[in-house]
PDB file of N, CA and C in Angstrom:
ATOM      1  N   MET A   1       0.696  -1.639  -0.160  1.00  0.00           N
ATOM      2  CA  MET A   1      -0.197  -0.076  -0.366  1.00  0.00           C
ATOM      3  C   MET A   1       0.790   1.436   0.211  1.00  0.00           C
ATOM      4  N   LYS A   2       0.974   2.354  -0.522  1.00  0.00           N
ATOM      5  CA  LYS A   2       1.607   3.578  -0.590  1.00  0.00           C
ATOM      6  C   LYS A   2       0.330   4.439   0.172  1.00  0.00           C
ATOM      7  N   VAL A   3       1.616   5.203   0.455  1.00  0.00           N
ATOM      8  CA  VAL A   3       1.360   6.535   1.453  1.00  0.00           C
ATOM      9  C   VAL A   3       1.625   7.759   0.828  1.00  0.00           C
ATOM     10  N   ILE A   4       0.283   8.475   1.234  1.00  0.00           N
ATOM     11  CA  ILE A   4       0.234  10.174   0.636  1.00  0.00           C
ATOM     12  C   ILE A   4      -0.510  10.892   1.825  1.00  0.00           C
ATOM     13  N   SER A   5       0.123  12.352   0.991  1.00  0.00           N
ATOM     14  CA  SER A   5      -0.042  13.185   2.324  1.00  0.00           C
ATOM     15  C   SER A   5      -1.711  13.866   2.555  1.00  0.00           C
ATOM     16  N   VAL A   6      -1.978  14.302   3.224  1.00  0.00           N
ATOM     17  CA  VAL A   6      -3.214  15.110   3.316  1.00  0.00           C
ATOM     18  C   VAL A   6      -3.148  16.853   3.463  1.00  0.00           C
ATOM     19  N   LYS A   7      -3.162  17.164   3.181  1.00  0.00           N
ATOM     20  CA  LYS A   7      -2.989  19.005   4.438  1.00  0.00           C
ATOM     21  C   LYS A   7      -4.690  19.413   4.265  1.00  0.00           C
ATOM     22  N   VAL A   8      -4.970  19.253   5.489  1.00  0.00           N
ATOM     23  CA  VAL A   8      -6.614  20.090   6.179  1.00  0.00           C
ATOM     24  C   VAL A   8      -5.385  21.754   6.204  1.00  0.00           C
ATOM     25  N   PRO A   9      -6.697  22.748   6.938  1.00  0.00           N
ATOM     26  CA  PRO A   9      -6.451  23.583   7.392  1.00  0.00           C
ATOM     27  C   PRO A   9      -6.438  23.499   9.151  1.00  0.00           C
ATOM     28  N   GLU A  10      -5.830  24.089   9.463  1.00  0.00           N
ATOM     29  CA  GLU A  10      -5.987  24.237  11.421  1.00  0.00           C
ATOM     30  C   GLU A  10      -7.313  23.495  12.187  1.00  0.00           C
ATOM     31  N   GLU A  11      -8.313  24.436  11.326  1.00  0.00           N
ATOM     32  CA  GLU A  11      -9.551  24.623  12.483  1.00  0.00           C
ATOM     33  C   GLU A  11     -10.089  23.294  12.111  1.00  0.00           C
ATOM     34  N   ILE A  12      -9.668  22.292  10.566  1.00  0.00           N
ATOM     35  CA  ILE A  12     -10.176  21.433  10.737  1.00  0.00           C
ATOM     36  C   ILE A  12      -8.973  20.216  11.527  1.00  0.00           C
ATOM     37  N   TYR A  13      -8.419  20.018  11.175  1.00  0.00           N
ATOM     38  CA  TYR A  13      -7.521  19.383  11.138  1.00  0.00           C
ATOM     39  C   TYR A  13      -8.174  18.989  13.552  1.00  0.00           C
ATOM     40  N   GLU A  14      -8.037  20.501  14.318  1.00  0.00           N
ATOM     41  CA  GLU A  14      -8.314  20.533  15.332  1.00  0.00           C
ATOM     42  C   GLU A  14      -9.692  19.626  16.108  1.00  0.00           C
ATOM     43  N   LYS A  15     -11.165  19.667  14.983  1.00  0.00           N
ATOM     44  CA  LYS A  15     -11.946  19.221  15.737  1.00  0.00           C
ATOM     45  C   LYS A  15     -11.686  17.718  15.005  1.00  0.00           C
ATOM     46  N   MET A  16     -10.906  17.381  13.998  1.00  0.00           N
ATOM     47  CA  MET A  16     -10.621  15.959  13.421  1.00  0.00           C
ATOM     48  C   MET A  16      -9.832  15.121  15.223  1.00  0.00           C
ATOM     49  N   LYS A  17      -9.236  15.611  15.334  1.00  0.00           N
ATOM     50  CA  LYS A  17      -8.520  15.436  16.799  1.00  0.00           C
ATOM     51  C   LYS A  17      -9.640  15.294  18.285  1.00  0.00           C
ATOM     52  N   MET A  18     -10.199  16.226  18.126  1.00  0.00           N
ATOM     53  CA  MET A  18     -11.470  16.150  19.303  1.00  0.00           C
ATOM     54  C   MET A  18     -12.109  14.785  19.016  1.00  0.00           C
ATOM     55  N   HIS A  19     -12.102  13.943  17.505  1.00  0.00           N
ATOM     56  CA  HIS A  19     -12.566  12.550  17.198  1.00  0.00           C
ATOM     57  C   HIS A  19     -11.831  11.176  16.946  1.00  0.00           C
ATOM     58  N   LYS A  20     -10.866  11.026  17.832  1.00  0.00           N
ATOM     59  CA  LYS A  20     -10.017  10.512  17.461  1.00  0.00           C
ATOM     60  C   LYS A  20      -9.860   8.421  17.653  1.00  0.00           C
ATOM     61  N   GLU A  21     -11.778   8.187  17.899  1.00  0.00           N
ATOM     62  CA  GLU A  21     -12.503   7.450  17.832  1.00  0.00           C
ATOM     63  C   GLU A  21     -12.748   6.958  16.357  1.00  0.00           C
ATOM     64  N   ILE A  22     -12.432   8.073  15.089  1.00  0.00           N
ATOM     65  CA  ILE A  22     -12.572   7.434  13.802  1.00  0.00           C
ATOM     66  C   ILE A  22     -10.677   7.477  13.045  1.00  0.00           C
ATOM     67  N   ASN A  23     -11.279   6.432  12.669  1.00  0.00           N
ATOM     68  CA  ASN A  23     -10.079   6.464  11.370  1.00  0.00           C
ATOM     69  C   ASN A  23      -9.738   7.286  10.153  1.00  0.00           C
ATOM     70  N   TRP A  24      -9.264   8.357  10.073  1.00  0.00           N
ATOM     71  CA  TRP A  24      -9.560   8.891   9.447  1.00  0.00           C
ATOM     72  C   TRP A  24      -8.503   8.974   7.682  1.00  0.00           C
ATOM     73  N   SER A  25      -7.440   8.163   7.913  1.00  0.00           N
ATOM     74  CA  SER A  25      -7.003   7.043   6.795  1.00  0.00           C
ATOM     75  C   SER A  25      -8.075   6.396   6.045  1.00  0.00           C
ATOM     76  N   GLU A  26      -9.021   5.958   7.138  1.00  0.00           N
ATOM     77  CA  GLU A  26     -10.225   5.074   5.605  1.00  0.00           C
ATOM     78  C   GLU A  26     -11.134   6.123   5.598  1.00  0.00           C
ATOM     79  N   VAL A  27     -11.555   7.231   6.521  1.00  0.00           N
ATOM     80  CA  VAL A  27     -12.284   7.867   5.297  1.00  0.00           C
ATOM     81  C   VAL A  27     -11.861   8.716   4.555  1.00  0.00           C
ATOM     82  N   ILE A  28     -10.462   8.890   4.332  1.00  0.00           N
ATOM     83  CA  ILE A  28     -10.232   9.798   3.259  1.00  0.00           C
ATOM     84  C   ILE A  28      -9.976   8.877   1.911  1.00  0.00           C
ATOM     85  N   ARG A  29      -9.405   7.466   2.295  1.00  0.00           N
ATOM     86  CA  ARG A  29      -9.431   6.017   1.521  1.00  0.00           C
ATOM     87  C   ARG A  29     -10.970   5.875   0.848  1.00  0.00           C
ATOM     88  N   ASN A  30     -12.069   5.905   1.751  1.00  0.00           N
ATOM     89  CA  ASN A  30     -13.205   5.697   0.802  1.00  0.00           C
ATOM     90  C   ASN A  30     -13.762   6.503  -0.166  1.00  0.00           C
ATOM     91  N   ALA A  31     -13.056   8.039   0.520  1.00  0.00           N
ATOM     92  CA  ALA A  31     -13.642   9.316  -0.001  1.00  0.00           C
ATOM     93  C   ALA A  31     -12.596   9.386  -1.669  1.00  0.00           C
ATOM     94  N   ILE A  32     -11.690   9.116  -1.965  1.00  0.00           N
ATOM     95  CA  ILE A  32     -11.271   8.709  -2.885  1.00  0.00           C
ATOM     96  C   ILE A  32     -11.966   7.485  -4.186  1.00  0.00           C
ATOM     97  N   ILE A  33     -11.651   6.392  -3.174  1.00  0.00           N
ATOM     98  CA  ILE A  33     -12.548   5.642  -4.286  1.00  0.00           C
ATOM     99  C   ILE A  33     -13.742   5.851  -4.792  1.00  0.00           C
ATOM    100  N   SER A  34     -14.175   6.460  -3.593  1.00  0.00           N
ATOM    101  CA  SER A  34     -16.220   7.385  -4.164  1.00  0.00           C
ATOM    102  C   SER A  34     -15.723   8.372  -5.146  1.00  0.00           C
ATOM    103  N   GLU A  35     -14.594   8.829  -5.204  1.00  0.00           N
ATOM    104  CA  GLU A  35     -14.554   9.889  -6.517  1.00  0.00           C
ATOM    105  C   GLU A  35     -13.734   8.524  -7.726  1.00  0.00           C
ATOM    106  N   LEU A  36     -13.405   7.966  -7.573  1.00  0.00           N
ATOM    107  CA  LEU A  36     -12.746   7.626  -8.543  1.00  0.00           C
ATOM    108  C   LEU A  36     -13.939   6.205  -9.469  1.00  0.00           C
ATOM    109  N   ASN A  37     -14.657   6.039  -8.603  1.00  0.00           N
ATOM    110  CA  ASN A  37     -15.808   5.545  -8.681  1.00  0.00           C
ATOM    111  C   ASN A  37     -16.711   6.473  -9.688  1.00  0.00           C
ATOM    112  N   GLU A  38     -17.007   7.386  -9.439  1.00  0.00           N
ATOM    113  CA  GLU A  38     -17.690   8.069 -10.025  1.00  0.00           C
ATOM    114  C   GLU A  38     -16.891   9.018 -11.386  1.00  0.00           C
ATOM    115  N   LEU A  39     -15.492   9.079 -10.890  1.00  0.00           N
ATOM    116  CA  LEU A  39     -15.118   9.937 -12.504  1.00  0.00           C
ATOM    117  C   LEU A  39     -15.015   8.471 -13.299  1.00  0.00           C
ATOM    118  N   GLU A  40     -14.551   7.440 -12.800  1.00  0.00           N
ATOM    119  CA  GLU A  40     -14.579   6.222 -13.493  1.00  0.00           C
ATOM    120  C   GLU A  40     -16.498   6.416 -14.669  1.00  0.00           C
ATOM    121  N   GLY A  41     -16.930   6.345 -14.125  1.00  0.00           N
ATOM    122  CA  GLY A  41     -18.523   6.268 -14.954  1.00  0.00           C
ATOM    123  C   GLY A  41     -18.979   7.458 -15.989  1.00  0.00           C
ATOM    124  N   ILE A  42     -17.879   8.529 -15.995  1.00  0.00           N
ATOM    125  CA  ILE A  42     -17.676   9.539 -16.764  1.00  0.00           C
ATOM    126  C   ILE A  42     -17.299   9.428 -18.569  1.00  0.00           C
ATOM    127  N   THR A  43     -17.889   9.693 -18.978  1.00  0.00           N
ATOM    128  CA  THR A  43     -17.177   9.167 -20.710  1.00  0.00           C
ATOM    129  C   THR A  43     -16.900   9.922 -21.856  1.00  0.00           C
ATOM    130  N   THR A  44     -17.169  11.857 -21.494  1.00  0.00           N
ATOM    131  CA  THR A  44     -16.466  12.217 -22.455  1.00  0.00           C
ATOM    132  C   THR A  44     -15.756  13.787 -21.579  1.00  0.00           C
ATOM    133  N   GLY A  45     -15.337  14.175 -21.763  1.00  0.00           N
ATOM    134  CA  GLY A  45     -13.931  15.449 -21.403  1.00  0.00           C
ATOM    135  C   GLY A  45     -14.892  16.370 -20.715  1.00  0.00           C
ATOM    136  N   ASN A  46     -16.052  17.075 -21.724  1.00  0.00           N
ATOM    137  CA  ASN A  46     -16.194  17.544 -21.234  1.00  0.00           C
ATOM    138  C   ASN A  46     -17.552  17.437 -19.596  1.00  0.00           C
ATOM    139  N   GLU A  47     -18.287  16.133 -19.807  1.00  0.00           N
ATOM    140  CA  GLU A  47     -18.512  15.892 -18.496  1.00  0.00           C
ATOM    141  C   GLU A  47     -17.276  16.044 -16.843  1.00  0.00           C
ATOM    142  N   LEU A  48     -16.117  15.185 -17.533  1.00  0.00           N
ATOM    143  CA  LEU A  48     -14.787  15.375 -16.219  1.00  0.00           C
ATOM    144  C   LEU A  48     -15.170  16.722 -15.695  1.00  0.00           C
ATOM    145  N   ILE A  49     -14.878  17.588 -16.864  1.00  0.00           N
ATOM    146  CA  ILE A  49     -14.844  19.291 -16.257  1.00  0.00           C
ATOM    147  C   ILE A  49     -16.238  20.093 -15.794  1.00  0.00           C
ATOM    148  N   GLU A  50     -17.297  19.765 -16.046  1.00  0.00           N
ATOM    149  CA  GLU A  50     -17.714  19.836 -15.399  1.00  0.00           C
ATOM    150  C   GLU A  50     -17.898  19.416 -14.073  1.00  0.00           C
ATOM    151  N   ARG A  51     -17.715  17.698 -13.724  1.00  0.00           N
ATOM    152  CA  ARG A  51     -17.236  17.151 -12.772  1.00  0.00           C
ATOM    153  C   ARG A  51     -16.796  17.865 -11.565  1.00  0.00           C
ATOM    154  N   LEU A  52     -15.024  17.945 -11.938  1.00  0.00           N
ATOM    155  CA  LEU A  52     -14.262  19.263 -11.388  1.00  0.00           C
ATOM    156  C   LEU A  52     -15.293  20.573 -11.138  1.00  0.00           C
ATOM    157  N   LYS A  53     -15.385  20.743 -11.572  1.00  0.00           N
ATOM    158  CA  LYS A  53     -15.862  22.055 -11.424  1.00  0.00           C
ATOM    159  C   LYS A  53     -17.197  21.923 -10.174  1.00  0.00           C
ATOM    160  N   ARG A  54     -17.973  20.920 -10.504  1.00  0.00           N
ATOM    161  CA  ARG A  54     -18.590  21.467  -9.145  1.00  0.00           C
ATOM    162  C   ARG A  54     -17.653  20.654  -7.612  1.00  0.00           C
ATOM    163  N   LEU A  55     -16.837  19.960  -8.699  1.00  0.00           N
ATOM    164  CA  LEU A  55     -15.929  19.599  -6.758  1.00  0.00           C
ATOM    165  C   LEU A  55     -15.280  21.053  -6.403  1.00  0.00           C
ATOM    166  N   GLY A  56     -15.184  22.350  -7.138  1.00  0.00           N
ATOM    167  CA  GLY A  56     -14.753  23.733  -6.703  1.00  0.00           C
ATOM    168  C   GLY A  56     -13.751  23.635  -7.309  1.00  0.00           C
ATOM    169  N   VAL A  57     -13.226  23.076  -8.028  1.00  0.00           N
ATOM    170  CA  VAL A  57     -11.974  23.154  -8.616  1.00  0.00           C
ATOM    171  C   VAL A  57     -12.034  24.202  -9.937  1.00  0.00           C
ATOM    172  N   ASP A  58     -11.461  25.479  -9.537  1.00  0.00           N
ATOM    173  CA  ASP A  58     -10.840  26.555 -10.770  1.00  0.00           C
ATOM    174  C   ASP A  58     -11.258  26.482 -12.507  1.00  0.00           C
ATOM    175  N   GLU A  59     -11.403  26.644 -13.321  1.00  0.00           N
ATOM    176  CA  GLU A  59     -11.730  25.849 -14.018  1.00  0.00           C
ATOM    177  C   GLU A  59     -10.042  26.478 -15.139  1.00  0.00           C
ATOM    178  N   LYS A  60     -10.101  27.801 -14.782  1.00  0.00           N
ATOM    179  CA  LYS A  60      -8.196  28.057 -15.664  1.00  0.00           C
ATOM    180  C   LYS A  60      -7.341  27.160 -14.581  1.00  0.00           C
ATOM    181  N   ASP A  61      -7.744  26.204 -13.487  1.00  0.00           N
ATOM    182  CA  ASP A  61      -6.431  25.558 -12.768  1.00  0.00           C
ATOM    183  C   ASP A  61      -6.636  24.137 -13.408  1.00  0.00           C
ATOM    184  N   ILE A  62      -7.568  23.716 -14.537  1.00  0.00           N
ATOM    185  CA  ILE A  62      -7.314  22.305 -15.255  1.00  0.00           C
ATOM    186  C   ILE A  62      -7.169  22.503 -16.904  1.00  0.00           C
ATOM    187  N   ASN A  63      -5.654  22.193 -16.948  1.00  0.00           N
ATOM    188  CA  ASN A  63      -4.624  22.046 -17.744  1.00  0.00           C
ATOM    189  C   ASN A  63      -5.413  20.612 -18.738  1.00  0.00           C
ATOM    190  N   VAL A  64      -5.791  20.476 -20.149  1.00  0.00           N
ATOM    191  CA  VAL A  64      -6.784  19.509 -20.432  1.00  0.00           C
ATOM    192  C   VAL A  64      -5.541  19.704 -21.382  1.00  0.00           C
ATOM    193  N   GLU A  65      -5.064  18.187 -20.998  1.00  0.00           N
ATOM    194  CA  GLU A  65      -3.608  16.960 -22.035  1.00  0.00           C
ATOM    195  C   GLU A  65      -3.923  16.378 -22.449  1.00  0.00           C
ATOM    196  N   PRO A  66      -3.737  15.754 -23.675  1.00  0.00           N
ATOM    197  CA  PRO A  66      -3.709  14.195 -24.452  1.00  0.00           C
ATOM    198  C   PRO A  66      -3.904  13.442 -22.860  1.00  0.00           C
ATOM    199  N   PRO A  67      -4.197  12.025 -24.053  1.00  0.00           N
ATOM    200  CA  PRO A  67      -3.768  11.233 -22.764  1.00  0.00           C
ATOM    201  C   PRO A  67      -2.082  10.646 -22.622  1.00  0.00           C
ATOM    202  N   GLN A  68      -1.227  10.325 -22.123  1.00  0.00           N
ATOM    203  CA  GLN A  68      -0.025  10.303 -21.282  1.00  0.00           C
ATOM    204  C   GLN A  68       0.425   8.715 -23.166  1.00  0.00           C
ATOM    205  N   GLY A  69       1.424   9.422 -24.242  1.00  0.00           N
ATOM    206  CA  GLY A  69       2.171   8.820 -24.649  1.00  0.00           C
ATOM    207  C   GLY A  69       1.811   9.411 -26.001  1.00  0.00           C
ATOM    208  N   GLU A  70       0.139  10.100 -26.090  1.00  0.00           N
ATOM    209  CA  GLU A  70      -0.768  10.150 -27.167  1.00  0.00           C
ATOM    210  C   GLU A  70       0.284  11.277 -28.124  1.00  0.00           C
ATOM    211  N   ASP A  71       0.759  12.635 -27.798  1.00  0.00           N
ATOM    212  CA  ASP A  71       1.591  13.361 -28.971  1.00  0.00           C
ATOM    213  C   ASP A  71       2.909  12.111 -28.955  1.00  0.00           C
ATOM    214  N   GLU A  72       3.211  11.632 -28.813  1.00  0.00           N
ATOM    215  CA  GLU A  72       4.414  10.704 -29.358  1.00  0.00           C
ATOM    216  C   GLU A  72       3.978   9.349 -30.278  1.00  0.00           C
ATOM    217  N   PHE A  73       2.424   9.297 -30.317  1.00  0.00           N
ATOM    218  CA  PHE A  73       2.094   8.302 -30.748  1.00  0.00           C
ATOM    219  C   PHE A  73       1.878   8.916 -31.989  1.00  0.00           C
ATOM    220  N   GLN A  74       1.291   9.806 -31.972  1.00  0.00           N
ATOM    221  CA  GLN A  74       1.096  11.110 -33.066  1.00  0.00           C
ATOM    222  C   GLN A  74       1.859  11.430 -33.944  1.00  0.00           C
ATOM    223  N   LYS A  75       2.772  12.192 -33.381  1.00  0.00           N
ATOM    224  CA  LYS A  75       4.054  12.713 -34.572  1.00  0.00           C
ATOM    225  C   LYS A  75       4.729  10.675 -35.132  1.00  0.00           C
ATOM    226  N   GLU A  76       5.008   9.597 -34.901  1.00  0.00           N
ATOM    227  CA  GLU A  76       5.368   8.534 -34.789  1.00  0.00           C
ATOM    228  C   GLU A  76       4.048   8.038 -36.045  1.00  0.00           C
ATOM    229  N   LEU A  77       2.707   8.205 -35.756  1.00  0.00           N
ATOM    230  CA  LEU A  77       1.302   7.701 -36.991  1.00  0.00           C
ATOM    231  C   LEU A  77       2.265   8.706 -38.097  1.00  0.00           C
ATOM    232  N   LYS A  78       2.459  10.049 -38.088  1.00  0.00           N
ATOM    233  CA  LYS A  78       2.277  10.412 -38.831  1.00  0.00           C
ATOM    234  C   LYS A  78       3.688  10.938 -39.738  1.00  0.00           C
ATOM    235  N   LYS A  79       4.763  10.621 -39.274  1.00  0.00           N
ATOM    236  CA  LYS A  79       6.091  10.331 -39.861  1.00  0.00           C
ATOM    237  C   LYS A  79       5.989   9.039 -40.757  1.00  0.00           C
ATOM    238  N   LYS A  80       5.092   8.019 -39.884  1.00  0.00           N
ATOM    239  CA  LYS A  80       5.162   6.521 -40.614  1.00  0.00           C
ATOM    240  C   LYS A  80       3.510   7.111 -41.830  1.00  0.00           C
ATOM    241  N   SER A  81       2.828   7.366 -42.058  1.00  0.00           N
ATOM    242  CA  SER A  81       1.976   7.617 -42.953  1.00  0.00           C
ATOM    243  C   SER A  81       2.792   9.054 -44.018  1.00  0.00           C
ATOM    244  N   THR A  82       4.145   9.640 -43.461  1.00  0.00           N
ATOM    245  CA  THR A  82       4.663  10.055 -44.674  1.00  0.00           C
ATOM    246  C   THR A  82       5.628   9.172 -45.260  1.00  0.00           C
ATOM    247  N   ILE A  83       5.700   7.727 -44.745  1.00  0.00           N
ATOM    248  CA  ILE A  83       7.209   6.815 -45.636  1.00  0.00           C
ATOM    249  C   ILE A  83       6.225   6.528 -46.646  1.00  0.00           C
ATOM    250  N   ARG A  84       6.708   6.625 -47.991  1.00  0.00           N
ATOM    251  CA  ARG A  84       6.020   6.225 -49.475  1.00  0.00           C
ATOM    252  C   ARG A  84       6.540   4.557 -49.458  1.00  0.00           C
ATOM    253  N   THR A  85       6.309   3.957 -49.500  1.00  0.00           N
ATOM    254  CA  THR A  85       6.040   2.263 -50.187  1.00  0.00           C
ATOM    255  C   THR A  85       6.308   2.236 -51.387  1.00  0.00           C
ATOM    256  N   PRO A  86       7.132   1.478 -52.562  1.00  0.00           N
ATOM    257  CA  PRO A  86       7.403   1.603 -54.247  1.00  0.00           C
ATOM    258  C   PRO A  86       6.116   0.541 -54.331  1.00  0.00           C
TER     259      PRO A  86
END
């Protein structure tokens, strides 16, 4: 299992400390799983952007990039399409 760090405002942290009976790691893990399940149901880029905006992400902070390796794939495809066969 991998470890990640989560920053919370001081006032939230103080409230969390008052409830030591709660496994906050489990709460966060379940929230991440829930978000991933919802995101996996999204089928278009526009749906994803709208979902992120509903979650409070500012649209100017959304950087739309092609999938990993897509740029290289397109360059290679273009290169291969210009090679002529006799």
